[in-house]
Amino acid sequence: MIEPESLEFPPLHCSLESTLGDYYQDFHDAILIVESGYHGPMDERGIPLLTVPGQGEYANAVTTAQYALANMTAIRRGERDREARARAQLDWLVESQESGGEWAGCWLMRHDNQKYAWLRAPWTGSLATGHALSALLRGHELFGADQYRESGEAAYRGLHLERGQWTLFSGDAEDLWYEEYPAEVPLHVLNGHLYTALAVLDYARVTGDKEADERWRQAAATALRHLEQFDVGYWSIYDLRFRERANVHYHKNIHIPLLRIMARLTGEHAFSERADRWERYLSSRWSRVQLAVSLRVRARLAR
C-alpha cells in the first residue's frame, strides 16, 4: 500500500489572475493514491469510492474533486489520455450535486462520519463544496462545458446558505471560518478552512464578484490571525476544538504547502515563516518523538 507521506504535494500555480489555470497545489500524486486503491475501489465509471468499515463503499466529493484536479494537471502536462477520466469526475460532481432543498448546491455524504459522532448521514462540510467548486470552475475553463460553471456557481451559493447548526461557515464581524465538519461548537479545521477559502478565491477570480473577494480576504486574515494556535511547539494541529495532532502526511503535504500558497497569494510573510518552522519540526527527531508520545496518549484516552 502506498504511503502518502512519501509523496510530494508542493505549491503549483499561485495566481490571482482571472484565468485559473492549474490548481494552487500540485495534486498530481493524488492519482497514485487513488489508483493504488488507498481509499477504496473505483466504480465502473472510474469514480473513486471510499470504503467505510461496517457501512459499505461510497463516492465522496472531496476525493472525486481532488482526483479531477489531479487529472486536469496531468492533462496540462501533456497526458491527454487523462481527459476522459477527468471529465468522468466532473460529470459525477454535476450529477451528484443537490439541486434543491436544505442542501442545495452541496454534495452529501451518505455514510455516518466515523470520527465525529454527531455527523450522521446525510451530512456535508465546506471542504466537499470548496474542492468541488475549484474543480468545476477549472473543468469549465479546460473543457468549455457550461454545466460545470453552472454547477460551480450553485456550489458557491450553497456554501454560503444559512442552515443553523449545519451552516458551512462560522465567525463574527472579524473572523470568517469555513467549517469542514459543521458542529454546534465549531472545530476550525485548518486545511478545510484554507482549501475552502481558495475555492472562494477561485470564484472571485472567475466572476469578479466583490463579495467573494471580500470573503476570501477575510478568511485569509482569519487564518493568519489564529495561525499560532495551530502550533503546539513541536508539530501542527488539525483543528482548534480537539487540538488533534496532524499526521505526518497532513503536516508535510497539506499544512506546510497550504501555508506557502497563502504566503504567495497574500504577501503575508507570517505564513511562510510558520511554514519554515513546521519544516524544521518535520526534520527534528525531538519533534517526531513528541508526536509519537502524544499520539499514544491520545489513543490510550480514546479506549
Protein backbone atom coordinates (compact mmCIF):
# COMPACT_ATOMS: atom_id res chain seq x y z
CA MET A 1 0.00 0.00 0.00
CA ILE A 2 1.27 3.44 -0.93
CA GLU A 3 2.35 5.77 1.89
CA PRO A 4 1.02 9.31 1.24
CA GLU A 5 3.77 10.96 3.32
CA SER A 6 6.32 9.57 0.84
CA LEU A 7 4.78 11.65 -1.96
CA GLU A 8 5.04 15.37 -2.73
CA PHE A 9 2.23 17.95 -3.00
CA PRO A 10 4.07 21.29 -3.38
CA PRO A 11 2.60 24.68 -4.30
CA LEU A 12 1.98 24.90 -8.03
CA HIS A 13 0.17 27.87 -9.57
CA CYS A 14 -0.38 30.64 -7.03
CA SER A 15 -2.06 33.21 -9.27
CA LEU A 16 -4.68 35.91 -8.75
CA GLU A 17 -5.42 36.32 -12.46
CA SER A 18 -8.93 35.80 -13.85
CA THR A 19 -7.70 32.80 -15.85
CA LEU A 20 -7.41 29.99 -13.34
CA GLY A 21 -5.00 27.53 -14.97
CA ASP A 22 -3.61 24.82 -12.70
CA TYR A 23 -4.71 24.50 -9.09
CA TYR A 24 -2.71 26.23 -6.37
CA GLN A 25 -1.24 22.94 -5.18
CA ASP A 26 0.21 20.12 -7.25
CA PHE A 27 -2.23 17.25 -6.70
CA HIS A 28 -0.69 15.08 -9.44
CA ASP A 29 0.46 12.46 -6.93
CA ALA A 30 -3.17 12.06 -5.83
CA ILE A 31 -3.51 9.93 -8.98
CA LEU A 32 -1.10 7.42 -7.41
CA ILE A 33 -3.05 7.41 -4.15
CA VAL A 34 -6.46 6.95 -5.75
CA GLU A 35 -5.43 4.42 -8.36
CA SER A 36 -3.50 2.34 -5.81
CA GLY A 37 -6.80 1.69 -4.01
CA TYR A 38 -5.67 3.57 -0.91
CA HIS A 39 -9.17 4.97 -0.28
CA GLY A 40 -11.06 2.03 -1.76
CA PRO A 41 -12.00 0.67 -5.20
CA MET A 42 -13.32 2.51 -8.26
CA ASP A 43 -16.75 2.07 -9.78
CA GLU A 44 -17.38 1.18 -13.41
CA ARG A 45 -17.08 4.85 -14.46
CA GLY A 46 -13.72 5.33 -12.77
CA ILE A 47 -15.12 7.25 -9.79
CA PRO A 48 -13.11 6.55 -6.60
CA LEU A 49 -15.05 5.00 -3.75
CA LEU A 50 -14.36 5.40 -0.05
CA THR A 51 -14.50 2.18 1.94
CA VAL A 52 -16.25 2.90 5.25
CA PRO A 53 -15.87 -0.04 7.65
CA GLY A 54 -19.23 -1.52 8.56
CA GLN A 55 -21.12 0.78 6.17
CA GLY A 56 -20.00 -0.01 2.63
CA GLU A 57 -18.41 1.90 -0.23
CA TYR A 58 -19.38 5.43 -1.17
CA ALA A 59 -18.35 8.04 -3.70
CA ASN A 60 -17.05 11.12 -1.94
CA ALA A 61 -16.99 14.64 -3.33
CA VAL A 62 -13.68 15.54 -1.66
CA THR A 63 -11.76 12.61 -3.15
CA THR A 64 -13.53 12.91 -6.51
CA ALA A 65 -12.77 16.63 -6.80
CA GLN A 66 -9.11 16.15 -5.84
CA TYR A 67 -8.84 13.35 -8.39
CA ALA A 68 -10.40 15.63 -11.01
CA LEU A 69 -7.89 18.38 -10.20
CA ALA A 70 -5.02 15.88 -10.37
CA ASN A 71 -6.14 14.62 -13.77
CA MET A 72 -6.53 18.15 -15.12
CA THR A 73 -2.98 18.93 -14.01
CA ALA A 74 -1.84 15.79 -15.84
CA ILE A 75 -3.69 16.91 -18.98
CA ARG A 76 -1.98 20.30 -18.88
CA ARG A 77 1.32 18.40 -18.75
CA GLY A 78 0.51 16.56 -21.94
CA GLU A 79 -1.20 13.41 -20.61
CA ARG A 80 -4.14 13.60 -22.99
CA ASP A 81 -5.26 10.08 -22.11
CA ARG A 82 -6.41 11.54 -18.78
CA GLU A 83 -9.16 13.65 -20.36
CA ALA A 84 -11.91 11.02 -20.17
CA ARG A 85 -11.05 10.28 -16.54
CA ALA A 86 -11.13 13.99 -15.61
CA ARG A 87 -14.48 14.52 -17.31
CA ALA A 88 -15.97 11.48 -15.60
CA GLN A 89 -15.17 13.04 -12.21
CA LEU A 90 -16.58 16.42 -13.21
CA ASP A 91 -19.73 14.84 -14.64
CA TRP A 92 -20.22 12.92 -11.39
CA LEU A 93 -19.93 16.15 -9.42
CA VAL A 94 -22.61 17.78 -11.57
CA GLU A 95 -24.93 14.77 -11.31
CA SER A 96 -24.45 14.31 -7.56
CA GLN A 97 -24.91 17.92 -6.52
CA GLU A 98 -28.07 18.66 -4.54
CA SER A 99 -30.37 20.71 -6.78
CA GLY A 100 -32.85 21.83 -4.12
CA GLY A 101 -33.86 21.61 -0.51
CA GLU A 102 -31.82 22.40 2.56
CA TRP A 103 -28.53 21.31 0.99
CA ALA A 104 -28.97 22.92 -2.44
CA GLY A 105 -25.61 23.36 -4.17
CA CYS A 106 -23.78 20.89 -1.90
CA TRP A 107 -22.67 17.25 -2.01
CA LEU A 108 -23.97 14.95 0.71
CA MET A 109 -22.07 12.19 2.47
CA ARG A 110 -24.29 9.11 2.52
CA HIS A 111 -22.43 7.47 5.40
CA ASP A 112 -22.01 8.26 9.08
CA ASN A 113 -18.78 10.02 9.95
CA GLN A 114 -16.58 7.62 11.92
CA LYS A 115 -14.66 10.34 13.69
CA TYR A 116 -17.33 12.81 14.82
CA ALA A 117 -20.39 11.16 16.36
CA TRP A 118 -22.84 14.00 15.60
CA LEU A 119 -22.33 13.72 11.81
CA ARG A 120 -24.87 11.14 10.68
CA ALA A 121 -25.91 10.51 7.09
CA PRO A 122 -26.70 12.60 5.24
CA TRP A 123 -24.23 15.37 6.10
CA THR A 124 -21.68 17.55 4.35
CA GLY A 125 -18.97 20.12 5.01
CA SER A 126 -17.26 23.09 3.44
CA LEU A 127 -14.34 21.08 2.06
CA ALA A 128 -16.58 18.97 -0.18
CA THR A 129 -18.25 22.07 -1.61
CA GLY A 130 -14.99 24.01 -1.84
CA HIS A 131 -12.95 21.35 -3.62
CA ALA A 132 -15.84 20.65 -5.99
CA LEU A 133 -16.13 24.37 -6.77
CA SER A 134 -12.41 24.62 -7.59
CA ALA A 135 -12.56 21.52 -9.81
CA LEU A 136 -15.73 22.55 -11.65
CA LEU A 137 -14.53 26.06 -12.47
CA ARG A 138 -11.29 24.62 -13.86
CA GLY A 139 -13.28 21.99 -15.73
CA HIS A 140 -15.29 24.73 -17.41
CA GLU A 141 -12.11 26.58 -18.33
CA LEU A 142 -10.41 23.46 -19.70
CA PHE A 143 -13.33 21.78 -21.48
CA GLY A 144 -15.80 24.63 -22.07
CA ALA A 145 -18.81 22.72 -20.69
CA ASP A 146 -21.39 25.21 -19.38
CA GLN A 147 -22.79 22.73 -16.87
CA TYR A 148 -19.50 22.77 -14.99
CA ARG A 149 -19.63 26.53 -14.45
CA GLU A 150 -23.33 26.44 -13.59
CA SER A 151 -22.67 23.72 -11.02
CA GLY A 152 -19.76 25.74 -9.64
CA GLU A 153 -21.94 28.82 -9.27
CA ALA A 154 -24.57 26.77 -7.42
CA ALA A 155 -21.79 25.42 -5.16
CA TYR A 156 -20.69 28.94 -4.24
CA ARG A 157 -24.26 29.88 -3.33
CA GLY A 158 -24.75 26.65 -1.37
CA LEU A 159 -21.55 27.23 0.58
CA HIS A 160 -22.93 30.47 1.98
CA LEU A 161 -26.51 29.50 2.85
CA GLU A 162 -27.57 29.80 6.49
CA ARG A 163 -28.57 26.39 7.91
CA GLY A 164 -28.40 26.86 11.65
CA GLN A 165 -26.03 24.39 13.26
CA TRP A 166 -25.25 22.92 9.83
CA THR A 167 -24.13 26.18 8.22
CA LEU A 168 -20.79 25.64 6.48
CA PHE A 169 -19.18 28.79 7.85
CA SER A 170 -18.90 30.45 11.25
CA GLY A 171 -17.46 33.57 12.79
CA ASP A 172 -18.26 37.16 13.64
CA ALA A 173 -17.57 40.64 12.33
CA GLU A 174 -13.82 39.94 12.46
CA ASP A 175 -13.42 36.22 11.74
CA LEU A 176 -14.77 34.09 8.90
CA TRP A 177 -14.18 30.35 9.25
CA TYR A 178 -15.20 27.70 6.73
CA GLU A 179 -16.17 24.53 8.56
CA GLU A 180 -15.15 21.16 7.13
CA TYR A 181 -17.20 19.47 9.85
CA PRO A 182 -20.24 21.55 10.89
CA ALA A 183 -20.86 21.48 14.64
CA GLU A 184 -22.62 23.46 17.34
CA VAL A 185 -19.18 24.16 18.79
CA PRO A 186 -17.02 24.89 15.70
CA LEU A 187 -13.89 22.83 15.07
CA HIS A 188 -11.99 25.28 12.83
CA VAL A 189 -10.10 22.62 10.85
CA LEU A 190 -7.06 24.29 9.27
CA ASN A 191 -6.92 22.51 5.92
CA GLY A 192 -10.70 22.52 5.45
CA HIS A 193 -10.82 26.26 6.07
CA LEU A 194 -7.92 27.11 3.77
CA TYR A 195 -8.95 24.88 0.87
CA THR A 196 -12.46 26.33 1.00
CA ALA A 197 -11.05 29.86 1.14
CA LEU A 198 -9.08 29.07 -2.02
CA ALA A 199 -12.30 27.95 -3.71
CA VAL A 200 -13.93 31.27 -2.79
CA LEU A 201 -10.89 32.98 -4.32
CA ASP A 202 -11.39 30.90 -7.48
CA TYR A 203 -14.97 32.13 -7.70
CA ALA A 204 -13.88 35.73 -7.16
CA ARG A 205 -11.19 35.42 -9.84
CA VAL A 206 -13.56 33.96 -12.43
CA THR A 207 -16.59 36.17 -11.78
CA GLY A 208 -15.09 39.37 -10.40
CA ASP A 209 -17.63 39.14 -7.57
CA LYS A 210 -16.67 41.73 -4.94
CA GLU A 211 -18.38 39.93 -2.06
CA ALA A 212 -16.49 36.73 -2.87
CA ASP A 213 -13.23 38.68 -2.91
CA GLU A 214 -14.08 40.21 0.47
CA ARG A 215 -14.89 36.75 1.87
CA TRP A 216 -11.60 35.35 0.59
CA ARG A 217 -9.66 38.20 2.17
CA GLN A 218 -11.49 37.87 5.49
CA ALA A 219 -10.96 34.08 5.55
CA ALA A 220 -7.25 34.54 4.80
CA ALA A 221 -6.92 37.16 7.53
CA THR A 222 -8.74 34.87 9.97
CA ALA A 223 -6.28 32.05 9.31
CA LEU A 224 -3.33 34.39 9.77
CA ARG A 225 -4.73 35.84 13.00
CA HIS A 226 -5.13 32.38 14.55
CA LEU A 227 -2.16 30.64 12.92
CA GLU A 228 -0.08 30.41 16.09
CA GLN A 229 -2.89 28.47 17.77
CA PHE A 230 -2.30 25.61 15.31
CA ASP A 231 1.27 25.19 16.61
CA VAL A 232 1.95 23.13 19.75
CA GLY A 233 5.67 23.84 19.84
CA TYR A 234 6.80 20.70 18.07
CA TRP A 235 4.08 19.99 15.45
CA SER A 236 0.97 21.36 13.76
CA ILE A 237 -2.56 20.50 14.85
CA TYR A 238 -5.58 19.58 12.78
CA ASP A 239 -8.28 21.67 14.49
CA LEU A 240 -8.75 24.19 17.30
CA ARG A 241 -11.50 22.38 19.21
CA PHE A 242 -9.94 18.97 19.86
CA ARG A 243 -6.39 20.09 19.03
CA GLU A 244 -5.65 16.80 17.31
CA ARG A 245 -2.04 16.46 16.16
CA ALA A 246 -1.80 16.24 12.39
CA ASN A 247 -0.36 13.03 10.99
CA VAL A 248 2.89 13.22 9.03
CA HIS A 249 1.14 13.34 5.65
CA TYR A 250 -1.09 16.24 6.71
CA HIS A 251 1.78 18.13 8.33
CA LYS A 252 4.14 17.65 5.35
CA ASN A 253 1.86 17.56 2.31
CA ILE A 254 -1.14 19.63 3.37
CA HIS A 255 -0.37 22.12 6.15
CA ILE A 256 3.07 23.26 5.00
CA PRO A 257 2.19 23.64 1.29
CA LEU A 258 -1.04 25.45 2.17
CA LEU A 259 0.85 28.00 4.25
CA ARG A 260 3.32 28.57 1.41
CA ILE A 261 0.42 29.03 -1.02
CA MET A 262 -1.20 31.54 1.32
CA ALA A 263 2.08 33.42 1.65
CA ARG A 264 2.39 33.76 -2.12
CA LEU A 265 -1.23 34.82 -2.62
CA THR A 266 -1.42 37.31 0.25
CA GLY A 267 2.16 38.52 0.53
CA GLU A 268 2.00 37.88 4.28
CA HIS A 269 5.41 36.64 5.41
CA ALA A 270 3.97 35.21 8.64
CA PHE A 271 2.54 32.32 6.60
CA SER A 272 5.92 31.40 5.13
CA GLU A 273 7.68 31.90 8.47
CA ARG A 274 5.31 29.43 10.12
CA ALA A 275 5.79 27.02 7.21
CA ASP A 276 9.56 27.24 7.72
CA ARG A 277 9.07 26.44 11.40
CA TRP A 278 6.89 23.45 10.57
CA GLU A 279 9.51 22.26 8.09
CA ARG A 280 12.02 22.26 10.93
CA TYR A 281 9.65 20.17 13.06
CA LEU A 282 9.46 17.66 10.22
CA SER A 283 13.22 17.11 10.26
CA SER A 284 13.57 17.20 14.06
CA ARG A 285 13.96 13.89 15.87
CA TRP A 286 12.74 15.53 19.09
CA SER A 287 9.55 16.68 17.34
CA ARG A 288 8.92 13.20 15.95
CA VAL A 289 9.33 11.69 19.42
CA GLN A 290 6.93 14.25 20.90
CA LEU A 291 4.42 13.48 18.17
CA ALA A 292 4.66 9.74 18.77
CA VAL A 293 4.15 10.19 22.51
CA SER A 294 1.14 12.48 22.03
CA LEU A 295 -0.47 10.04 19.58
CA ARG A 296 -0.01 7.14 22.01
CA VAL A 297 -1.55 9.14 24.84
CA ARG A 298 -4.49 10.11 22.64
CA ALA A 299 -5.07 6.52 21.59
CA ARG A 300 -4.99 5.36 25.21
CA LEU A 301 -7.50 8.00 26.29
CA ALA A 302 -9.82 7.07 23.41
CA ARG A 303 -10.16 3.46 24.61
